[in-house]
Protein backbone atom coordinates (compact mmCIF):
# COMPACT_ATOMS: atom_id res chain seq x y z
CA MET A 1 -62.04 8.83 33.83
CA LYS A 2 -59.17 11.25 35.21
CA VAL A 3 -58.86 8.66 38.02
CA SER A 4 -55.99 6.40 38.86
CA ARG A 5 -55.09 2.85 37.63
CA ARG A 6 -55.64 1.78 41.31
CA THR A 7 -59.22 2.80 41.69
CA ILE A 8 -60.38 1.67 38.32
CA PHE A 9 -59.01 -1.85 39.61
CA ARG A 10 -60.81 -1.10 42.91
CA ASP A 11 -63.91 -0.28 41.21
CA ILE A 12 -63.74 -3.22 38.98
CA ASN A 13 -63.29 -5.81 42.08
CA LEU A 14 -66.35 -3.87 43.70
CA LEU A 15 -68.34 -5.01 40.71
CA GLN A 16 -67.21 -8.48 40.80
CA ASP A 17 -68.11 -8.64 44.41
CA CYS A 18 -71.68 -7.51 43.76
CA GLY A 19 -72.04 -10.44 41.20
CA VAL A 20 -71.20 -8.19 38.07
CA GLN A 21 -69.44 -10.53 35.35
CA ILE A 22 -66.74 -7.85 34.18
CA GLN A 23 -65.34 -9.16 30.79
CA PHE A 24 -61.61 -8.92 29.75
CA SER A 25 -60.94 -8.80 26.15
CA GLU A 26 -57.27 -10.24 25.11
CA GLU A 27 -58.01 -8.46 21.86
CA ARG A 28 -58.67 -4.94 23.40
CA GLN A 29 -56.65 -5.55 26.13
CA GLY A 30 -59.34 -4.09 28.29
CA TYR A 31 -62.38 -4.52 30.57
CA SER A 32 -66.31 -4.32 29.41
CA LEU A 33 -69.49 -4.60 31.26
CA PRO A 34 -72.10 -7.19 29.98
CA GLY A 35 -74.83 -5.54 27.65
CA SER A 36 -77.48 -4.95 30.59
CA ILE A 37 -76.92 -4.46 34.21
CA TYR A 38 -79.51 -4.48 36.74
CA VAL A 39 -79.64 -4.89 40.82
CA GLN A 40 -81.38 -7.85 41.61
CA PRO A 41 -85.03 -7.21 42.47
CA LEU A 42 -86.02 -7.07 46.11
CA ASP A 43 -88.86 -8.33 48.15
CA LEU A 44 -90.26 -4.75 49.21
CA ALA A 45 -93.42 -4.82 51.79
CA LEU A 46 -95.95 -2.27 50.58
CA ASN A 47 -94.93 0.30 53.24
CA GLU A 48 -91.26 0.05 52.21
CA VAL A 49 -92.34 0.78 48.57
CA LEU A 50 -94.63 3.65 49.63
CA PHE A 51 -91.99 5.05 51.51
CA LEU A 52 -89.33 5.07 48.33
CA LEU A 53 -92.04 6.26 46.08
CA ILE A 54 -93.24 9.18 48.24
CA LEU A 55 -89.13 10.03 48.63
CA CYS A 56 -88.25 10.01 44.90
CA GLY A 57 -91.56 11.02 43.75
CA ASP A 58 -91.17 14.37 45.85
CA ILE A 59 -87.94 15.32 44.01
CA PRO A 60 -88.46 17.08 40.87
CA GLU A 61 -86.41 15.91 37.92
CA ASN A 62 -84.99 19.04 36.98
CA SER A 63 -84.80 20.31 40.97
CA SER A 64 -81.29 22.18 42.15
CA HIS A 65 -81.99 21.58 45.60
CA TYR A 66 -81.37 17.78 45.55
CA PRO A 67 -78.32 15.41 45.30
CA PHE A 68 -78.87 13.00 42.24
CA PRO A 69 -82.59 14.07 41.15
CA GLU A 70 -82.81 12.48 37.57
CA ALA A 71 -81.66 9.06 39.73
CA ALA A 72 -84.34 9.85 41.97
CA GLN A 73 -86.84 10.08 39.10
CA SER A 74 -85.69 7.23 37.39
CA ALA A 75 -85.78 4.81 40.52
CA TYR A 76 -89.46 6.16 41.10
CA LEU A 77 -90.72 5.19 37.66
CA LYS A 78 -88.55 1.91 37.53
CA ILE A 79 -90.08 1.13 41.30
CA LEU A 80 -93.55 2.01 40.07
CA SER A 81 -93.38 -0.14 36.91
CA SER A 82 -92.40 -3.15 38.35
CA LEU A 83 -95.67 -3.32 40.83
CA PRO A 84 -98.89 -5.46 39.91
CA GLN A 85 -101.12 -3.58 38.43
CA SER A 86 -103.40 -3.47 41.80
CA MET A 87 -100.74 -2.47 44.00
CA ARG A 88 -99.56 0.35 41.50
CA GLU A 89 -102.91 1.83 41.58
CA SER A 90 -103.18 1.90 45.53
CA VAL A 91 -100.02 3.05 46.02
CA GLY A 92 -100.13 5.72 43.21
CA GLU A 93 -103.39 7.30 45.23
CA LEU A 94 -101.39 7.39 48.17
CA THR A 95 -98.40 8.95 46.89
CA GLU A 96 -100.51 11.79 45.88
CA GLN A 97 -102.26 12.08 49.21
CA VAL A 98 -98.80 11.73 51.35
CA GLN A 99 -96.12 14.09 51.02
CA PHE A 100 -92.76 14.90 52.01
CA ARG A 101 -91.36 18.31 52.01
CA LEU A 102 -87.97 19.49 53.23
CA ASP A 103 -87.93 23.45 54.94
CA SER A 104 -86.32 26.11 53.15
CA HIS A 105 -83.00 25.08 51.96
CA THR A 106 -79.63 26.31 50.02
CA PRO A 107 -80.27 25.65 46.25
CA GLN A 108 -77.35 23.29 44.90
CA GLU A 109 -76.51 25.36 42.05
CA PRO A 110 -74.11 26.20 40.85
CA GLY A 111 -72.50 24.39 44.00
CA ARG A 112 -73.38 20.85 42.15
CA GLU A 113 -69.97 20.42 40.57
CA HIS A 114 -68.41 21.29 44.28
CA TYR A 115 -71.02 18.55 45.75
CA GLU A 116 -69.88 15.83 43.88
CA ASN A 117 -66.48 16.49 43.93
CA CYS A 118 -66.69 16.03 47.61
CA LEU A 119 -68.00 12.83 47.18
CA ARG A 120 -65.72 11.70 44.74
CA SER A 121 -62.85 13.01 46.93
CA LEU A 122 -64.63 10.67 50.06
CA ARG A 123 -65.06 7.69 47.80
CA ASP A 124 -61.19 8.09 46.64
CA HIS A 125 -59.73 9.38 49.49
CA LYS A 126 -57.98 12.23 47.46
CA GLN A 127 -57.45 15.63 48.92
CA LEU A 128 -59.44 18.29 47.32
CA ARG A 129 -58.02 22.20 46.52
CA ILE A 130 -60.89 24.51 47.12
CA ARG A 131 -61.21 28.25 46.73
CA TYR A 132 -63.73 28.94 49.77
CA PHE A 133 -65.51 32.21 50.57
CA SER A 134 -64.67 32.65 53.97
CA LEU A 135 -67.15 34.61 56.52
CA ALA A 136 -64.45 34.89 59.35
CA ASP A 137 -62.18 36.66 56.32
CA TRP A 138 -64.97 38.06 54.23
CA ASP A 139 -62.77 37.14 51.01
CA GLU A 140 -62.05 33.80 49.10
CA ILE A 141 -59.27 31.59 50.63
CA GLY A 142 -57.57 28.89 48.94
CA LEU A 143 -56.74 25.70 50.61
CA ALA A 144 -56.35 22.03 50.38
CA ILE A 145 -59.18 19.87 52.29
CA SER A 146 -59.35 16.14 53.48
CA PRO A 147 -62.83 15.52 53.64
CA TYR A 148 -64.50 13.12 56.31
CA ARG A 149 -67.86 13.62 55.90
CA LEU A 150 -70.67 15.15 54.09
CA VAL A 151 -73.53 16.32 56.08
CA PHE A 152 -76.92 17.77 55.07
CA LEU A 153 -77.84 19.69 57.93
CA ARG A 154 -79.92 22.63 58.77
CA ARG A 155 -80.87 23.27 54.93
CA SER A 156 -77.49 23.18 53.58
CA TRP A 157 -74.89 20.46 52.51
CA TYR A 158 -71.39 20.50 54.35
CA VAL A 159 -68.30 19.19 54.37
CA ILE A 160 -66.19 18.20 57.46
CA ALA A 161 -62.77 18.18 56.47
CA ARG A 162 -59.13 18.62 57.58
CA SER A 163 -57.52 21.97 56.60
CA SER A 164 -54.29 22.27 55.25
CA VAL A 165 -54.34 26.11 56.18
CA HIS A 166 -55.96 25.89 59.66
CA ARG A 167 -54.35 22.21 60.14
CA ASP A 168 -57.40 21.07 62.06
CA VAL A 169 -60.92 19.62 61.10
CA ARG A 170 -63.37 22.43 60.32
CA THR A 171 -66.51 22.54 58.72
CA PHE A 172 -67.38 23.93 55.40
CA LYS A 173 -70.71 25.12 53.80
CA VAL A 174 -70.65 23.74 50.20
CA SER A 175 -72.32 26.32 48.48
CA ARG A 176 -69.60 28.47 49.64
CA ILE A 177 -66.96 26.60 47.71
CA ARG A 178 -65.98 28.94 44.52
CA HIS A 179 -63.61 26.29 43.35
CA SER A 180 -62.75 22.74 43.53
CA GLU A 181 -60.60 19.94 41.78
CA LEU A 182 -59.39 16.60 42.91
CA LEU A 183 -55.54 16.17 43.94
CA GLU A 184 -53.46 13.29 43.40
CA LYS A 185 -52.65 13.28 46.81
CA SER A 186 -54.14 10.65 48.99
CA TYR A 187 -55.34 10.85 52.82
CA ASP A 188 -56.95 8.50 55.36
CA ILE A 189 -60.07 9.18 57.82
CA PRO A 190 -58.97 8.72 61.54
CA ARG A 191 -60.26 5.39 62.52
CA ASN A 192 -61.34 7.38 65.91
CA PHE A 193 -63.12 9.98 64.07
CA ASN A 194 -67.05 10.65 65.14
CA LEU A 195 -69.32 12.97 63.51
CA ASP A 196 -71.50 13.34 66.65
CA ARG A 197 -68.30 13.72 68.98
CA TYR A 198 -67.03 16.42 66.62
CA LEU A 199 -70.14 17.94 66.43
CA GLY A 200 -70.40 17.75 70.43
CA ASN A 201 -73.14 20.06 72.08
CA ALA A 202 -73.23 22.90 69.35
CA TRP A 203 -76.93 24.16 68.87
CA HIS A 204 -76.12 23.24 65.03
CA LEU A 205 -72.89 23.09 63.66
CA ILE A 206 -70.70 26.20 65.63
CA ARG A 207 -68.83 25.08 68.49
CA ASP A 208 -66.64 27.83 70.87
CA ALA A 209 -62.88 27.17 70.26
CA ASP A 210 -62.31 26.90 73.99
CA GLY A 211 -64.54 24.07 74.39
CA LYS A 212 -66.83 25.68 76.98
CA SER A 213 -70.24 24.29 77.62
CA TRP A 214 -73.25 26.56 78.75
CA ASN A 215 -76.17 26.01 80.71
CA VAL A 216 -78.99 27.97 78.92
CA LYS A 217 -82.28 28.45 80.76
CA ILE A 218 -85.46 30.02 78.83
CA ARG A 219 -89.11 30.63 79.63
CA PHE A 220 -91.32 30.13 76.71
CA GLN A 221 -94.80 31.95 77.45
CA LYS A 222 -97.82 29.91 77.26
CA GLN A 223 -98.61 31.27 73.37
CA VAL A 224 -95.41 29.52 72.19
CA ALA A 225 -94.74 26.77 74.66
CA GLN A 226 -96.55 23.69 73.38
CA ASN A 227 -95.25 24.58 69.91
CA VAL A 228 -91.62 24.60 71.45
CA ALA A 229 -92.50 21.36 73.14
CA GLU A 230 -93.49 19.71 70.36
CA VAL A 231 -90.04 19.40 68.98
CA SER A 232 -87.31 17.92 69.90
CA TRP A 233 -84.64 20.65 69.43
CA HIS A 234 -81.47 19.50 71.15
CA LYS A 235 -80.05 16.13 72.67
CA THR A 236 -79.51 18.07 75.69
CA GLN A 237 -82.83 19.61 76.33
CA LYS A 238 -85.32 19.22 79.31
CA LEU A 239 -88.69 20.33 79.92
CA SER A 240 -90.58 21.51 82.58
CA TRP A 241 -94.45 22.91 82.71
CA GLN A 242 -95.23 25.87 85.11
CA GLU A 243 -98.28 26.79 86.75
CA ASP A 244 -99.30 29.66 84.61
CA GLY A 245 -98.86 27.65 81.17
CA SER A 246 -95.31 28.66 80.70
CA LEU A 247 -92.37 26.36 79.47
CA MET A 248 -89.17 25.99 81.57
CA PHE A 249 -86.68 25.20 78.50
CA GLU A 250 -83.15 23.80 79.79
CA VAL A 251 -80.51 22.84 77.52
CA VAL A 252 -76.27 22.69 77.40
CA VAL A 253 -74.87 23.99 74.46
CA ASP A 254 -71.00 24.36 73.62
CA SER A 255 -71.65 28.05 71.81
CA LEU A 256 -73.91 30.88 71.85
CA LYS A 257 -73.71 31.89 68.86
CA GLU A 258 -76.39 29.93 66.89
CA ILE A 259 -78.89 29.67 69.97
CA VAL A 260 -78.96 33.50 70.17
CA TRP A 261 -81.05 33.86 66.73
CA TRP A 262 -83.38 30.87 67.61
CA VAL A 263 -84.50 32.90 70.71
CA MET A 264 -84.72 36.33 69.11
CA GLY A 265 -87.38 34.38 66.68
CA TYR A 266 -89.71 33.78 69.32
CA GLY A 267 -89.48 37.40 70.18
CA ALA A 268 -91.18 38.68 73.39
CA GLN A 269 -92.67 35.20 73.96
CA ALA A 270 -88.81 34.29 74.96
CA GLU A 271 -87.34 35.38 77.92
CA VAL A 272 -83.50 34.38 78.91
CA LEU A 273 -82.77 33.48 82.40
CA GLU A 274 -79.55 31.99 82.11
CA PRO A 275 -76.62 32.38 81.49
CA VAL A 276 -76.23 36.23 81.64
CA GLU A 277 -73.92 36.40 78.74
CA LEU A 278 -77.00 35.41 76.27
CA ARG A 279 -79.23 37.29 78.20
CA ASP A 280 -76.99 40.28 77.77
CA GLU A 281 -76.47 39.66 74.13
CA VAL A 282 -80.37 39.16 73.05
CA ILE A 283 -80.67 42.52 74.80
CA SER A 284 -77.74 43.62 72.91
CA HIS A 285 -79.76 43.09 69.67
CA VAL A 286 -82.90 44.27 71.08
CA LYS A 287 -81.45 47.66 71.42
CA GLU A 288 -79.72 47.38 68.04
CA MET A 289 -83.47 46.64 66.29
CA LEU A 290 -85.06 49.49 68.06
CA SER A 291 -82.58 51.79 66.83
CA VAL A 292 -82.86 50.79 63.36
CA TYR A 293 -86.79 51.54 63.75
CA GLU A 294 -86.13 54.51 65.55
CA ASN A 295 -84.03 55.88 63.00
CA GLU A 296 -86.78 54.60 59.99
CA SER A 297 -89.45 56.64 61.50
CA ARG A 298 -87.38 59.94 61.51
């Protein structure tokens, strides 16, 4: 099983706590499970069943985008087959009419193995040795990490871990891991570690190393204002409508690196008013874009 004796006994105790009767054989000097084991049936309401079926049913069995696609499909079929005929027909129609779709995201393959190693590392509190393609170095680096959290955020899976190289907690994109292997060395997750505190007021994931915060103020023109107002983009955002139909958007972020690309996506419909550093960065990008298209036209 490639795990320690201690891990096996912890798993046996966990199964016993869940009511599974683990059997010990004196003759074989080993443990075994009963012939068939199932989780006890749950008393689920119709809307709870519907949610689970919609969520699991929209994950294709051969999908490389999501974790545990085979388990999702199996759970979908088991839940559906256990329902009374009348409810099955009613829910079946609704699951075809109501769908759950994620935005564009990073395929898990070929990083599925590394995602699963991150899960094992978290479960067993064993360090993980990885080769990682670093955008900062534009090269592969080797290091050992101690995972604290595994997070799906903004289209991709990320592992929040303490790095042996940086000697600090860093964010690693799972799809950029080129090789991973579990180590025997154990680690502990600090009790005071908190994901929200770690991310702070980052727009998505990136915070400035110096811990500086920025008060950002953007005016969105009437054409896109309603679309912007309908979304909760950030926990600190404040909105105020103007008489001309435009929207004043204010937010406090711990880095300008990510929000600049979001602003650029709205083109001329968005104008950065504050801070001047963000406004200058947008202007710089616009000039570079113009030079690209001018060169193309020549």
